[in-house]
Protein backbone atom coordinates (compact mmCIF):
# COMPACT_ATOMS: atom_id res chain seq x y z
CA MET A 1 113.62 85.82 98.83
CA THR A 2 110.49 84.26 99.26
CA THR A 3 107.59 85.05 97.73
CA LEU A 4 104.39 86.57 99.57
CA ILE A 5 102.61 83.06 99.74
CA GLU A 6 105.45 81.29 100.75
CA SER A 7 106.50 84.00 103.52
CA ARG A 8 102.66 83.42 104.91
CA GLN A 9 102.93 79.88 105.15
CA SER A 10 105.98 79.59 106.56
CA LEU A 11 104.83 81.70 109.67
CA SER A 12 101.76 80.30 109.62
CA ASN A 13 102.43 77.80 112.32
CA ARG A 14 104.50 80.30 114.45
CA LEU A 15 103.83 83.61 113.86
CA SER A 16 101.02 85.67 112.28
CA VAL A 17 101.62 88.02 109.76
CA GLU A 18 98.91 90.78 108.59
CA PRO A 19 99.14 93.20 105.75
CA ILE A 20 97.82 96.35 106.55
CA ALA A 21 98.42 98.17 103.13
CA GLY A 22 98.70 97.26 99.60
CA TYR A 23 102.87 97.65 99.15
CA LEU A 24 104.62 97.93 102.30
CA GLY A 25 103.81 97.01 106.06
CA ALA A 26 102.30 94.31 108.21
CA GLU A 27 101.48 93.85 112.12
CA VAL A 28 102.93 90.64 113.87
CA SER A 29 101.28 88.95 116.20
CA GLY A 30 101.77 85.52 118.24
CA VAL A 31 105.25 86.19 119.45
CA ASP A 32 106.61 87.36 122.98
CA LEU A 33 109.39 89.87 122.57
CA VAL A 34 110.16 89.47 126.65
CA ASP A 35 111.66 86.11 125.49
CA GLU A 36 114.23 85.51 123.59
CA LEU A 37 113.59 83.97 120.15
CA ASP A 38 115.30 80.87 118.83
CA ALA A 39 116.98 81.11 115.73
CA GLU A 40 114.21 79.75 113.30
CA ALA A 41 112.02 82.82 114.65
CA GLN A 42 114.39 85.31 114.38
CA ARG A 43 114.95 84.09 110.50
CA GLU A 44 110.94 84.17 110.12
CA LEU A 45 110.98 87.58 111.23
CA ARG A 46 114.26 88.92 108.82
CA ASP A 47 112.36 87.11 106.09
CA ALA A 48 108.67 89.08 106.77
CA LEU A 49 111.12 92.27 107.21
CA PHE A 50 112.36 91.76 103.78
CA GLU A 51 108.92 91.22 102.34
CA TYR A 52 106.35 94.01 103.84
CA LYS A 53 109.41 96.44 104.82
CA VAL A 54 107.66 97.81 107.70
CA LEU A 55 106.44 95.41 110.73
CA PHE A 56 104.74 96.42 113.58
CA PHE A 57 104.43 94.40 116.73
CA ARG A 58 101.82 95.43 120.05
CA ASP A 59 101.50 94.88 123.57
CA GLN A 60 105.55 94.22 124.06
CA ALA A 61 105.97 95.11 127.29
CA ILE A 62 109.98 94.98 126.71
CA ASP A 63 112.28 97.43 128.73
CA HIS A 64 116.01 98.66 127.16
CA ALA A 65 118.03 95.48 127.56
CA GLN A 66 115.45 93.62 125.61
CA GLN A 67 114.92 95.87 122.87
CA ILE A 68 118.67 95.81 122.01
CA ARG A 69 118.70 92.04 121.81
CA PHE A 70 115.58 92.44 119.44
CA THR A 71 117.26 94.59 117.45
CA SER A 72 120.29 92.28 117.15
CA TYR A 73 118.14 89.55 115.47
CA PHE A 74 118.80 91.63 111.92
CA GLY A 75 122.19 92.45 112.70
CA PRO A 76 124.71 94.16 114.91
CA VAL A 77 123.52 96.68 116.83
CA THR A 78 125.26 100.43 116.84
CA ASP A 79 125.21 103.10 118.99
CA ALA A 80 122.40 105.25 119.03
CA HIS A 81 123.67 108.16 116.99
CA PRO A 82 126.70 108.93 114.68
CA LEU A 83 127.17 112.42 115.87
CA GLY A 84 126.76 111.13 119.66
CA TYR A 85 123.75 112.81 121.33
CA THR A 86 124.95 110.98 124.21
CA ASP A 87 122.41 112.88 126.79
CA LYS A 88 119.33 111.37 124.54
CA SER A 89 120.48 108.17 125.78
CA PRO A 90 119.03 106.17 128.87
CA ALA A 91 122.18 105.61 131.08
CA GLY A 92 123.92 102.39 130.53
CA TYR A 93 122.65 102.19 127.22
CA PRO A 94 124.26 104.27 124.45
CA GLN A 95 122.23 102.43 121.89
CA VAL A 96 119.38 103.51 122.78
CA LEU A 97 118.03 106.89 121.51
CA GLU A 98 115.27 108.73 122.93
CA VAL A 99 112.35 110.33 121.61
CA ASP A 100 110.86 112.21 124.73
CA SER A 101 108.82 115.59 123.59
CA ARG A 102 109.52 116.82 127.87
CA THR A 103 113.25 116.97 126.97
CA TYR A 104 112.69 119.61 124.04
CA ALA A 105 110.55 121.30 126.00
CA SER A 106 112.85 121.87 128.96
CA ARG A 107 115.39 123.06 127.18
CA GLY A 108 113.61 125.93 126.38
CA GLY A 109 112.93 125.37 122.50
CA SER A 110 109.52 125.10 120.63
CA ARG A 111 107.67 121.88 121.11
CA ARG A 112 109.01 119.02 119.09
CA TYR A 113 107.78 115.03 119.34
CA SER A 114 109.96 113.83 117.10
CA TYR A 115 113.70 113.43 116.46
CA ALA A 116 112.72 114.66 112.64
CA ASN A 117 109.11 115.26 111.57
CA PHE A 118 109.84 115.29 107.71
CA TRP A 119 110.30 112.85 105.46
CA HIS A 120 113.55 110.98 105.53
CA GLN A 121 115.38 108.14 106.05
CA ASP A 122 117.60 107.39 109.03
CA VAL A 123 121.23 108.84 108.58
CA THR A 124 121.92 108.82 104.81
CA ALA A 125 124.67 111.23 105.36
CA LEU A 126 126.91 108.00 106.62
CA VAL A 127 128.73 106.10 104.02
CA ASN A 128 126.51 103.34 105.34
CA PRO A 129 123.47 104.09 106.84
CA PRO A 130 121.52 102.08 109.05
CA ALA A 131 120.43 99.04 107.24
CA VAL A 132 117.05 98.63 110.04
CA THR A 133 115.38 100.99 112.86
CA VAL A 134 113.60 99.66 115.55
CA LEU A 135 111.29 102.18 117.64
CA ARG A 136 109.74 101.23 120.53
CA ALA A 137 106.34 103.25 122.08
CA GLU A 138 106.51 104.17 125.91
CA LEU A 139 104.28 106.67 126.24
CA VAL A 140 101.90 108.33 123.10
CA PRO A 141 98.64 110.73 122.91
CA GLU A 142 95.62 109.11 122.80
CA VAL A 143 94.71 111.15 119.69
CA GLY A 144 97.33 111.80 116.93
CA GLY A 145 101.09 111.15 116.43
CA ASP A 146 101.03 108.46 113.96
CA THR A 147 104.17 107.81 112.05
CA THR A 148 104.07 107.22 107.56
CA TRP A 149 106.26 105.00 105.74
CA ALA A 150 106.83 105.07 101.79
CA ASP A 151 107.99 102.28 99.91
CA LEU A 152 111.30 103.30 97.58
CA GLY A 153 110.93 100.22 95.57
CA ALA A 154 107.20 100.55 94.12
CA ALA A 155 108.32 104.32 93.81
CA TYR A 156 111.16 102.88 91.49
CA ASP A 157 108.98 100.26 89.46
CA ASN A 158 106.46 103.05 89.05
CA LEU A 159 108.89 105.12 86.96
CA PRO A 160 108.83 104.97 83.05
CA ALA A 161 111.98 102.88 81.98
CA SER A 162 113.54 105.56 80.21
CA LEU A 163 113.56 107.85 83.35
CA GLN A 164 114.74 104.74 85.80
CA ARG A 165 117.94 104.14 82.87
CA PHE A 166 118.61 107.78 83.32
CA LEU A 167 118.49 108.00 87.16
CA GLU A 168 120.59 104.49 87.57
CA GLY A 169 123.70 106.43 86.12
CA LEU A 170 123.79 109.59 88.61
CA TYR A 171 124.86 110.18 92.24
CA ALA A 172 123.58 112.13 95.06
CA GLU A 173 124.81 114.16 98.16
CA ASN A 174 123.66 113.76 101.26
CA ARG A 175 124.40 115.54 104.40
CA PHE A 176 122.65 116.86 107.42
CA GLY A 177 119.62 118.81 106.66
CA GLY A 178 119.91 118.06 102.95
CA ARG A 179 118.66 121.05 100.77
CA GLU A 180 118.22 123.68 103.62
CA LYS A 181 119.30 123.84 107.03
CA ARG A 182 116.80 122.24 109.60
CA TRP A 183 117.95 123.42 113.07
CA GLU A 184 118.15 126.96 114.81
CA LYS A 185 120.90 129.20 114.80
CA GLY A 186 123.27 128.34 117.72
CA SER A 187 121.45 124.84 118.18
CA GLU A 188 123.16 121.90 119.52
CA ALA A 189 122.17 120.13 115.83
CA GLU A 190 124.28 123.05 114.15
CA SER A 191 127.01 122.37 116.35
CA LEU A 192 127.32 118.87 116.08
CA THR A 193 127.22 118.85 112.53
CA GLN A 194 129.41 121.25 112.18
CA GLN A 195 131.96 119.59 114.69
CA THR A 196 131.74 116.11 112.91
CA PRO A 197 130.78 116.84 109.39
CA ILE A 198 129.34 113.67 107.43
CA ILE A 199 128.82 113.91 103.61
CA SER A 200 128.45 110.82 101.61
CA GLU A 201 127.68 110.48 98.09
CA HIS A 202 124.96 107.73 97.16
CA PRO A 203 123.85 105.81 93.84
CA VAL A 204 120.12 107.59 93.06
CA ILE A 205 119.26 104.25 92.46
CA ARG A 206 120.48 101.37 95.05
CA VAL A 207 120.22 97.69 94.83
CA HIS A 208 118.76 96.01 98.04
CA PRO A 209 121.55 93.73 98.86
CA VAL A 210 118.84 90.97 100.08
CA THR A 211 116.29 91.46 97.84
CA GLY A 212 118.26 92.78 94.81
CA GLN A 213 114.99 95.05 93.96
CA LYS A 214 115.39 98.73 93.13
CA LEU A 215 115.01 101.48 95.12
CA ILE A 216 114.99 104.98 94.63
CA TYR A 217 117.75 106.27 97.04
CA VAL A 218 117.10 110.13 97.88
CA ASN A 219 114.99 111.24 100.72
CA PRO A 220 114.29 115.15 101.58
CA GLY A 221 115.72 115.28 105.05
CA PHE A 222 119.52 114.42 103.71
CA THR A 223 119.79 113.98 99.79
CA SER A 224 121.13 118.17 99.09
CA ARG A 225 122.00 117.52 95.18
CA ILE A 226 122.41 115.85 92.18
CA LEU A 227 125.90 115.32 91.23
CA GLY A 228 127.05 116.13 87.49
CA VAL A 229 123.97 118.46 86.55
CA SER A 230 123.60 122.44 87.76
CA PRO A 231 122.05 123.33 90.91
CA SER A 232 118.61 124.17 89.00
CA GLN A 233 118.72 120.99 87.40
CA SER A 234 119.36 119.20 90.54
CA ASP A 235 116.40 120.81 92.15
CA ARG A 236 114.43 120.17 89.25
CA ILE A 237 115.31 116.31 89.57
CA LEU A 238 114.88 116.25 93.16
CA ASP A 239 111.45 117.79 93.27
CA LEU A 240 110.44 115.17 90.95
CA LEU A 241 111.80 112.16 92.83
CA PHE A 242 110.83 113.61 96.17
CA GLU A 243 106.94 113.63 94.85
CA GLU A 244 107.30 109.81 93.66
CA ILE A 245 108.76 108.61 96.60
CA THR A 246 106.37 110.22 99.00
CA ASN A 247 103.18 109.44 96.57
CA PRO A 248 100.00 108.54 99.17
CA ALA A 249 99.14 105.10 96.95
CA ILE A 250 102.95 103.71 98.60
CA THR A 251 102.32 104.56 102.07
CA VAL A 252 101.50 102.97 105.16
CA ARG A 253 100.14 105.10 108.34
CA VAL A 254 100.52 103.40 111.43
CA ARG A 255 99.29 104.57 114.78
CA TRP A 256 101.08 103.70 117.74
CA THR A 257 99.93 102.73 121.48
CA PRO A 258 101.39 101.68 124.37
CA ASP A 259 104.66 98.59 123.93
CA SER A 260 104.35 99.20 120.37
CA ILE A 261 107.31 98.27 118.64
CA GLY A 262 108.15 99.74 114.79
CA VAL A 263 110.65 97.69 112.79
CA TRP A 264 111.50 99.17 109.13
CA ASP A 265 114.37 98.45 106.57
CA ASN A 266 115.82 101.69 106.22
CA ARG A 267 117.29 100.83 103.04
CA ALA A 268 113.87 100.50 101.51
CA THR A 269 111.76 102.84 102.97
CA ILE A 270 111.15 106.60 103.98
CA HIS A 271 109.33 107.87 107.16
CA GLN A 272 107.66 110.69 108.44
CA ALA A 273 107.42 111.30 111.75
CA PRO A 274 104.05 112.95 113.21
CA THR A 275 103.39 116.52 112.38
CA ASP A 276 100.01 117.09 114.02
CA LEU A 277 100.91 117.35 117.42
CA ASP A 278 102.23 120.91 117.69
CA HIS A 279 99.16 122.38 118.64
CA LEU A 280 98.48 120.05 121.61
CA ASP A 281 99.90 119.70 125.13
CA VAL A 282 100.71 116.11 124.77
CA VAL A 283 103.56 113.51 126.14
CA ARG A 284 105.40 111.40 122.97
CA VAL A 285 108.35 109.36 124.55
CA LEU A 286 110.03 106.49 122.12
CA HIS A 287 113.27 104.84 122.33
CA ARG A 288 114.75 104.17 118.81
CA THR A 289 117.98 101.36 118.16
CA THR A 290 119.37 101.13 114.64
CA VAL A 291 121.24 97.52 112.76
CA GLU A 292 124.77 98.73 111.24
CA GLY A 293 124.74 99.32 107.81
CA ASP A 294 126.05 98.04 104.66
CA VAL A 295 127.76 100.88 101.72
CA PRO A 296 125.59 100.91 98.78
CA GLU A 297 125.49 99.77 95.96
CA GLY A 298 123.93 101.14 92.56
CA VAL A 299 123.40 99.65 89.24
CA GLY A 300 126.94 97.92 88.13
CA GLY A 301 128.35 97.35 91.37
CA ARG A 302 128.23 101.65 91.57
CA ARG A 303 129.23 102.10 95.39
CA SER A 304 128.90 104.97 97.65
CA ARG A 305 131.50 107.08 98.07
CA SER A 306 132.58 109.11 101.60
CA VAL A 307 133.52 112.82 101.17
CA SER A 308 133.71 113.37 104.65
CA GLY A 309 133.57 111.06 107.98
CA GLU A 310 133.61 107.04 108.26
CA LEU A 311 131.88 104.38 108.63
CA PHE A 312 129.34 103.74 111.39
CA LEU A 313 130.08 100.35 112.65
CA ALA A 314 128.71 98.52 115.80
CA LYS A 315 131.46 98.10 118.48
CA LYS A 316 132.33 94.85 119.67
CA SER A 317 132.18 93.29 122.36
CA ALA A 318 134.80 93.12 125.08
């Protein structure tokens, strides 16, 4: 793993990577994602992602196929979602999940501008959650609609050593909705989660497979309970951890513009989609792709366990 200074030097002749917050996040310029990048440029982008955890690109007018190709620089590209949601993928591109506020409105539901507008990592109900997520903006409001990310490594580092050691021995159950159901009765989400239950148990402290950094690996969107303790103790532990991992000091907030792209390390961050648009009559359309993840390992090699559901793997090309 390169240091921050080494990373800047290696990128200086080809790409520009500028930090945008104290702990995580950087904007990348000097690259045109319409064109296929060579192996060296791809490596530099991966190194930058591991360094900054969230990368942002502006003015990248790419299409679905080009987004899939760009996502593949970070690993094998999966289908859009383990629960299917095939109606949310554009025709011919099952790897792309459309986040379109007009779709939500056409179904007669309440106005929504994101797939999940609460703090979460992507799909940690899986035993191998996505490693990397890519989100491309097509239509965004002129005001509002920002996304915020938080640094799970910084959250761990800021804990006292005694609490770190305690947490390193724990597992947490992850399922859709976390401690509460976040969908309406009779909704598509309720039906899909009942038809295809996906539940996994992850180490509360995960070791990043590339950087070796220790990460607090729980999130409000999916973590339902701490194993081996009483329900009330579990709630108190999770309340403490959720407060730590959403501390504003370890966050970066990014404003979307048309043709902007966000890339984040889904192992090392959590994120929150916008919560400031429900009272506005605006359109927001983005497109998400994800990279196949590995099975998390905790301290001492403690691996995640599947309770229900299979590995979510990229499909092999024929």
